[in-house]
Amino acid sequence: MSSPELFRAPFPFSTTRRLAAESFEDMVKFVVDIERRILCAGGGLHSDEEQLLLEDGSLQDNLWGANYYLDDPEESRFEYTSMINVRPAQNNRAQQIESPEIRRHVRDLAAFFFESLK
């Protein structure tokens, strides 16, 4: 497994392919900071990406984990599930991001990074 990488700007799809090849082949785990609008991707655990973002100055409340499936149809490309999403204090009691608004923020931000240079 590769180490997670921090991104502050969109990256070419070839980078997405490389991140997938270094871990799960068809999927990239990622964590976004929905306030700072940055993304950490790659590696095998959302918790590693979360830690890198925390060390970079992100606040826990703003970090959400998900998965990006490169070759899936657009409607099923994103999966909003991660252990780091379990936050009863923020009314998220499951691994799935329960808030439609937060899911939308995560999807829009991830699409900006993963797909804008596709």
N, C-alpha and C. Protein backbone atom coordinates (compact mmCIF):
# COMPACT_ATOMS: atom_id res chain seq x y z
N MET A 1 0.83 -1.19 0.00
CA MET A 1 0.00 0.00 0.00
C MET A 1 0.87 1.25 0.00
N SER A 2 0.41 2.22 -0.72
CA SER A 2 1.11 3.50 -0.76
C SER A 2 0.71 4.36 0.44
N SER A 3 1.38 5.45 0.60
CA SER A 3 1.03 6.42 1.65
C SER A 3 -0.01 7.39 1.10
N PRO A 4 -0.86 7.92 1.96
CA PRO A 4 -1.84 8.90 1.50
C PRO A 4 -1.15 10.18 1.03
N GLU A 5 -1.81 10.86 0.11
CA GLU A 5 -1.30 12.11 -0.44
C GLU A 5 -2.32 13.22 -0.26
N LEU A 6 -1.85 14.40 0.04
CA LEU A 6 -2.69 15.57 0.25
C LEU A 6 -2.78 16.37 -1.04
N PHE A 7 -4.00 16.78 -1.41
CA PHE A 7 -4.22 17.53 -2.64
C PHE A 7 -4.97 18.82 -2.34
N ARG A 8 -4.48 19.90 -2.91
CA ARG A 8 -5.13 21.21 -2.75
C ARG A 8 -5.70 21.71 -4.06
N ALA A 9 -5.48 20.97 -5.13
CA ALA A 9 -5.97 21.32 -6.46
C ALA A 9 -6.32 20.03 -7.20
N PRO A 10 -7.18 20.13 -8.20
CA PRO A 10 -7.51 18.93 -8.99
C PRO A 10 -6.25 18.30 -9.58
N PHE A 11 -6.33 17.00 -9.79
CA PHE A 11 -5.19 16.27 -10.34
C PHE A 11 -5.65 15.45 -11.53
N PRO A 12 -4.72 15.13 -12.44
CA PRO A 12 -5.12 14.38 -13.65
C PRO A 12 -5.63 12.99 -13.31
N PHE A 13 -6.48 12.47 -14.19
CA PHE A 13 -7.04 11.14 -13.97
C PHE A 13 -5.96 10.07 -13.88
N SER A 14 -4.83 10.32 -14.50
CA SER A 14 -3.71 9.36 -14.39
C SER A 14 -3.25 9.23 -12.94
N THR A 15 -3.36 10.29 -12.16
CA THR A 15 -3.03 10.22 -10.74
C THR A 15 -4.05 9.36 -10.00
N THR A 16 -5.32 9.51 -10.36
CA THR A 16 -6.37 8.68 -9.76
C THR A 16 -6.11 7.21 -10.06
N ARG A 17 -5.77 6.91 -11.30
CA ARG A 17 -5.45 5.52 -11.69
C ARG A 17 -4.26 5.00 -10.88
N ARG A 18 -3.24 5.82 -10.72
CA ARG A 18 -2.06 5.40 -9.95
C ARG A 18 -2.43 5.12 -8.50
N LEU A 19 -3.21 6.02 -7.89
CA LEU A 19 -3.63 5.81 -6.50
C LEU A 19 -4.42 4.52 -6.35
N ALA A 20 -5.29 4.24 -7.31
CA ALA A 20 -6.08 2.99 -7.27
C ALA A 20 -5.16 1.79 -7.43
N ALA A 21 -4.25 1.85 -8.39
CA ALA A 21 -3.35 0.71 -8.65
C ALA A 21 -2.48 0.39 -7.44
N GLU A 22 -2.16 1.40 -6.65
CA GLU A 22 -1.30 1.20 -5.48
C GLU A 22 -2.07 0.64 -4.28
N SER A 23 -3.39 0.55 -4.40
CA SER A 23 -4.16 0.08 -3.25
C SER A 23 -5.22 -0.95 -3.62
N PHE A 24 -6.36 -0.53 -4.13
CA PHE A 24 -7.50 -1.43 -4.32
C PHE A 24 -7.87 -1.69 -5.78
N GLU A 25 -7.04 -1.26 -6.71
CA GLU A 25 -7.22 -1.45 -8.15
C GLU A 25 -8.35 -0.62 -8.76
N ASP A 26 -9.58 -0.78 -8.28
CA ASP A 26 -10.72 -0.09 -8.89
C ASP A 26 -11.31 1.00 -8.01
N MET A 27 -10.68 1.25 -6.85
CA MET A 27 -11.26 2.17 -5.88
C MET A 27 -10.16 2.92 -5.15
N VAL A 28 -10.47 4.18 -4.80
CA VAL A 28 -9.55 5.01 -4.01
C VAL A 28 -10.30 5.48 -2.78
N LYS A 29 -9.72 5.22 -1.61
CA LYS A 29 -10.26 5.77 -0.37
C LYS A 29 -9.82 7.22 -0.28
N PHE A 30 -10.70 8.07 0.24
CA PHE A 30 -10.33 9.48 0.39
C PHE A 30 -11.05 10.10 1.58
N VAL A 31 -10.48 11.18 2.07
CA VAL A 31 -11.07 11.99 3.13
C VAL A 31 -11.01 13.43 2.66
N VAL A 32 -12.12 14.15 2.82
CA VAL A 32 -12.15 15.56 2.47
C VAL A 32 -12.37 16.41 3.71
N ASP A 33 -11.80 17.60 3.65
CA ASP A 33 -12.10 18.65 4.62
C ASP A 33 -13.07 19.57 3.92
N ILE A 34 -14.34 19.53 4.32
CA ILE A 34 -15.37 20.27 3.60
C ILE A 34 -15.29 21.78 3.84
N GLU A 35 -14.56 22.22 4.86
CA GLU A 35 -14.39 23.65 5.10
C GLU A 35 -13.18 24.20 4.36
N ARG A 36 -12.05 23.50 4.44
CA ARG A 36 -10.82 23.96 3.80
C ARG A 36 -10.76 23.57 2.33
N ARG A 37 -11.67 22.71 1.90
CA ARG A 37 -11.76 22.26 0.50
C ARG A 37 -10.46 21.63 0.02
N ILE A 38 -9.98 20.67 0.81
CA ILE A 38 -8.81 19.88 0.43
C ILE A 38 -9.16 18.41 0.55
N LEU A 39 -8.36 17.57 -0.09
CA LEU A 39 -8.63 16.14 -0.15
C LEU A 39 -7.35 15.38 0.11
N CYS A 40 -7.47 14.28 0.81
CA CYS A 40 -6.36 13.35 1.02
C CYS A 40 -6.81 12.00 0.48
N ALA A 41 -5.98 11.39 -0.36
CA ALA A 41 -6.37 10.13 -1.00
C ALA A 41 -5.18 9.19 -1.07
N GLY A 42 -5.51 7.91 -1.24
CA GLY A 42 -4.48 6.89 -1.36
C GLY A 42 -4.23 6.19 -0.04
N GLY A 43 -3.50 5.11 -0.10
CA GLY A 43 -3.27 4.34 1.11
C GLY A 43 -4.43 3.40 1.37
N GLY A 44 -4.35 2.69 2.47
CA GLY A 44 -5.33 1.67 2.74
C GLY A 44 -6.39 1.99 3.77
N LEU A 45 -6.20 3.06 4.54
CA LEU A 45 -7.13 3.37 5.62
C LEU A 45 -7.55 4.83 5.61
N HIS A 46 -8.83 5.07 5.78
CA HIS A 46 -9.30 6.45 5.93
C HIS A 46 -8.65 7.11 7.13
N SER A 47 -8.38 6.35 8.17
CA SER A 47 -7.79 6.93 9.37
C SER A 47 -6.39 7.50 9.11
N ASP A 48 -5.64 6.91 8.19
CA ASP A 48 -4.32 7.47 7.83
C ASP A 48 -4.48 8.81 7.11
N GLU A 49 -5.46 8.88 6.23
CA GLU A 49 -5.73 10.13 5.52
C GLU A 49 -6.23 11.20 6.48
N GLU A 50 -7.11 10.78 7.38
CA GLU A 50 -7.63 11.68 8.41
C GLU A 50 -6.48 12.26 9.23
N GLN A 51 -5.55 11.41 9.64
CA GLN A 51 -4.42 11.86 10.46
C GLN A 51 -3.57 12.88 9.72
N LEU A 52 -3.31 12.65 8.45
CA LEU A 52 -2.52 13.58 7.65
C LEU A 52 -3.22 14.95 7.57
N LEU A 53 -4.53 14.94 7.40
CA LEU A 53 -5.27 16.20 7.35
C LEU A 53 -5.27 16.91 8.70
N LEU A 54 -5.40 16.16 9.79
CA LEU A 54 -5.34 16.76 11.13
C LEU A 54 -3.98 17.40 11.36
N GLU A 55 -2.93 16.72 10.96
CA GLU A 55 -1.58 17.27 11.10
C GLU A 55 -1.39 18.52 10.25
N ASP A 56 -2.16 18.64 9.18
CA ASP A 56 -2.08 19.79 8.29
C ASP A 56 -2.94 20.96 8.77
N GLY A 57 -3.69 20.75 9.85
CA GLY A 57 -4.48 21.84 10.42
C GLY A 57 -5.98 21.71 10.30
N SER A 58 -6.47 20.62 9.75
CA SER A 58 -7.91 20.42 9.64
C SER A 58 -8.53 20.16 11.01
N LEU A 59 -9.80 20.45 11.14
CA LEU A 59 -10.57 20.15 12.34
C LEU A 59 -11.37 18.86 12.12
N GLN A 60 -11.41 18.02 13.13
CA GLN A 60 -12.09 16.72 13.03
C GLN A 60 -13.52 16.85 12.51
N ASP A 61 -14.26 17.84 12.99
CA ASP A 61 -15.67 17.99 12.60
C ASP A 61 -15.86 18.19 11.10
N ASN A 62 -14.82 18.62 10.40
CA ASN A 62 -14.92 18.92 8.97
C ASN A 62 -14.46 17.79 8.08
N LEU A 63 -13.99 16.69 8.65
CA LEU A 63 -13.41 15.59 7.87
C LEU A 63 -14.42 14.47 7.68
N TRP A 64 -14.57 14.04 6.43
CA TRP A 64 -15.50 12.96 6.09
C TRP A 64 -14.83 12.01 5.12
N GLY A 65 -15.00 10.72 5.36
CA GLY A 65 -14.38 9.70 4.53
C GLY A 65 -15.35 9.05 3.56
N ALA A 66 -14.83 8.68 2.40
CA ALA A 66 -15.64 8.03 1.37
C ALA A 66 -14.73 7.25 0.43
N ASN A 67 -15.34 6.62 -0.57
CA ASN A 67 -14.60 5.84 -1.57
C ASN A 67 -15.03 6.28 -2.95
N TYR A 68 -14.08 6.25 -3.87
CA TYR A 68 -14.32 6.63 -5.26
C TYR A 68 -14.03 5.42 -6.14
N TYR A 69 -15.04 4.93 -6.86
CA TYR A 69 -14.90 3.79 -7.77
C TYR A 69 -14.72 4.32 -9.19
N LEU A 70 -13.54 4.17 -9.71
CA LEU A 70 -13.14 4.79 -10.96
C LEU A 70 -14.02 4.45 -12.15
N ASP A 71 -14.39 3.21 -12.29
CA ASP A 71 -15.05 2.76 -13.51
C ASP A 71 -16.55 2.53 -13.36
N ASP A 72 -17.10 2.87 -12.21
CA ASP A 72 -18.54 2.70 -12.01
C ASP A 72 -19.31 3.82 -12.69
N PRO A 73 -20.59 3.59 -12.98
CA PRO A 73 -21.42 4.66 -13.54
C PRO A 73 -21.49 5.83 -12.56
N GLU A 74 -21.74 7.00 -13.07
CA GLU A 74 -21.72 8.22 -12.26
C GLU A 74 -22.59 8.12 -11.00
N GLU A 75 -23.77 7.51 -11.13
CA GLU A 75 -24.70 7.45 -9.99
C GLU A 75 -24.22 6.53 -8.86
N SER A 76 -23.26 5.65 -9.13
CA SER A 76 -22.76 4.75 -8.08
C SER A 76 -21.25 4.87 -7.88
N ARG A 77 -20.67 5.92 -8.37
CA ARG A 77 -19.22 6.11 -8.31
C ARG A 77 -18.71 6.41 -6.90
N PHE A 78 -19.55 7.03 -6.08
CA PHE A 78 -19.14 7.42 -4.73
C PHE A 78 -19.86 6.57 -3.69
N GLU A 79 -19.10 6.14 -2.69
CA GLU A 79 -19.65 5.40 -1.55
C GLU A 79 -19.25 6.18 -0.30
N TYR A 80 -20.22 6.57 0.49
CA TYR A 80 -19.99 7.48 1.61
C TYR A 80 -19.85 6.74 2.93
N THR A 81 -18.99 5.73 2.96
CA THR A 81 -18.85 4.87 4.12
C THR A 81 -17.41 4.87 4.63
N SER A 82 -17.26 5.08 5.92
CA SER A 82 -15.95 5.02 6.56
C SER A 82 -16.15 4.98 8.08
N MET A 83 -15.24 4.31 8.75
CA MET A 83 -15.29 4.29 10.22
C MET A 83 -15.12 5.70 10.80
N ILE A 84 -14.38 6.57 10.12
CA ILE A 84 -14.17 7.91 10.67
C ILE A 84 -15.44 8.74 10.66
N ASN A 85 -16.48 8.28 9.95
CA ASN A 85 -17.74 9.02 9.89
C ASN A 85 -18.63 8.78 11.10
N VAL A 86 -18.31 7.82 11.93
CA VAL A 86 -19.14 7.52 13.11
C VAL A 86 -18.91 8.63 14.13
N ARG A 87 -19.91 9.51 14.25
CA ARG A 87 -19.80 10.67 15.13
C ARG A 87 -21.15 10.99 15.76
N PRO A 88 -21.50 10.32 16.82
CA PRO A 88 -22.79 10.60 17.46
C PRO A 88 -22.97 12.07 17.85
N ALA A 89 -21.89 12.75 18.24
CA ALA A 89 -22.00 14.16 18.63
C ALA A 89 -22.41 15.05 17.47
N GLN A 90 -22.20 14.58 16.24
CA GLN A 90 -22.59 15.32 15.04
C GLN A 90 -23.80 14.66 14.37
N ASN A 91 -24.53 13.87 15.12
CA ASN A 91 -25.73 13.17 14.64
C ASN A 91 -25.43 12.23 13.47
N ASN A 92 -24.25 11.65 13.46
CA ASN A 92 -23.91 10.63 12.45
C ASN A 92 -23.50 9.38 13.22
N ARG A 93 -24.44 8.48 13.39
CA ARG A 93 -24.23 7.30 14.23
C ARG A 93 -23.79 6.06 13.46
N ALA A 94 -23.58 6.20 12.17
CA ALA A 94 -23.22 5.06 11.32
C ALA A 94 -21.96 5.38 10.52
N GLN A 95 -21.43 4.34 9.87
CA GLN A 95 -20.28 4.54 8.99
C GLN A 95 -20.67 5.35 7.75
N GLN A 96 -21.91 5.24 7.34
CA GLN A 96 -22.45 5.97 6.20
C GLN A 96 -22.66 7.43 6.59
N ILE A 97 -22.32 8.37 5.71
CA ILE A 97 -22.64 9.77 5.96
C ILE A 97 -24.16 9.90 5.83
N GLU A 98 -24.81 10.22 6.93
CA GLU A 98 -26.27 10.22 6.97
C GLU A 98 -26.89 11.51 6.45
N SER A 99 -26.21 12.63 6.58
CA SER A 99 -26.75 13.91 6.15
C SER A 99 -26.66 14.06 4.63
N PRO A 100 -27.79 14.27 3.95
CA PRO A 100 -27.75 14.49 2.50
C PRO A 100 -26.91 15.73 2.14
N GLU A 101 -26.94 16.74 2.97
CA GLU A 101 -26.17 17.96 2.70
C GLU A 101 -24.67 17.68 2.78
N ILE A 102 -24.22 16.96 3.78
CA ILE A 102 -22.80 16.63 3.90
C ILE A 102 -22.39 15.70 2.77
N ARG A 103 -23.22 14.70 2.44
CA ARG A 103 -22.92 13.83 1.29
C ARG A 103 -22.74 14.64 0.02
N ARG A 104 -23.61 15.63 -0.19
CA ARG A 104 -23.51 16.47 -1.38
C ARG A 104 -22.20 17.25 -1.39
N HIS A 105 -21.83 17.81 -0.22
CA HIS A 105 -20.55 18.54 -0.13
C HIS A 105 -19.37 17.61 -0.45
N VAL A 106 -19.40 16.41 0.12
CA VAL A 106 -18.32 15.45 -0.11
C VAL A 106 -18.25 15.07 -1.58
N ARG A 107 -19.40 14.78 -2.18
CA ARG A 107 -19.43 14.38 -3.58
C ARG A 107 -18.94 15.51 -4.50
N ASP A 108 -19.44 16.71 -4.27
CA ASP A 108 -19.04 17.85 -5.11
C ASP A 108 -17.55 18.11 -5.01
N LEU A 109 -17.03 18.08 -3.81
CA LEU A 109 -15.60 18.32 -3.61
C LEU A 109 -14.76 17.21 -4.22
N ALA A 110 -15.17 15.96 -4.00
CA ALA A 110 -14.42 14.83 -4.58
C ALA A 110 -14.47 14.86 -6.10
N ALA A 111 -15.63 15.18 -6.67
CA ALA A 111 -15.73 15.26 -8.13
C ALA A 111 -14.81 16.35 -8.67
N PHE A 112 -14.71 17.45 -7.96
CA PHE A 112 -13.80 18.54 -8.34
C PHE A 112 -12.37 18.02 -8.44
N PHE A 113 -11.94 17.27 -7.45
CA PHE A 113 -10.56 16.76 -7.45
C PHE A 113 -10.36 15.62 -8.43
N PHE A 114 -11.24 14.61 -8.38
CA PHE A 114 -11.06 13.40 -9.17
C PHE A 114 -11.42 13.55 -10.64
N GLU A 115 -12.41 14.38 -10.95
CA GLU A 115 -12.98 14.36 -12.30
C GLU A 115 -12.82 15.63 -13.10
N SER A 116 -12.40 16.72 -12.50
CA SER A 116 -12.37 17.97 -13.27
C SER A 116 -11.31 17.99 -14.35
N LEU A 117 -10.29 17.15 -14.23
CA LEU A 117 -9.24 17.09 -15.26
C LEU A 117 -9.33 15.80 -16.06
N LYS A 118 -10.43 15.10 -15.97
CA LYS A 118 -10.63 13.81 -16.63
C LYS A 118 -10.70 13.95 -18.12
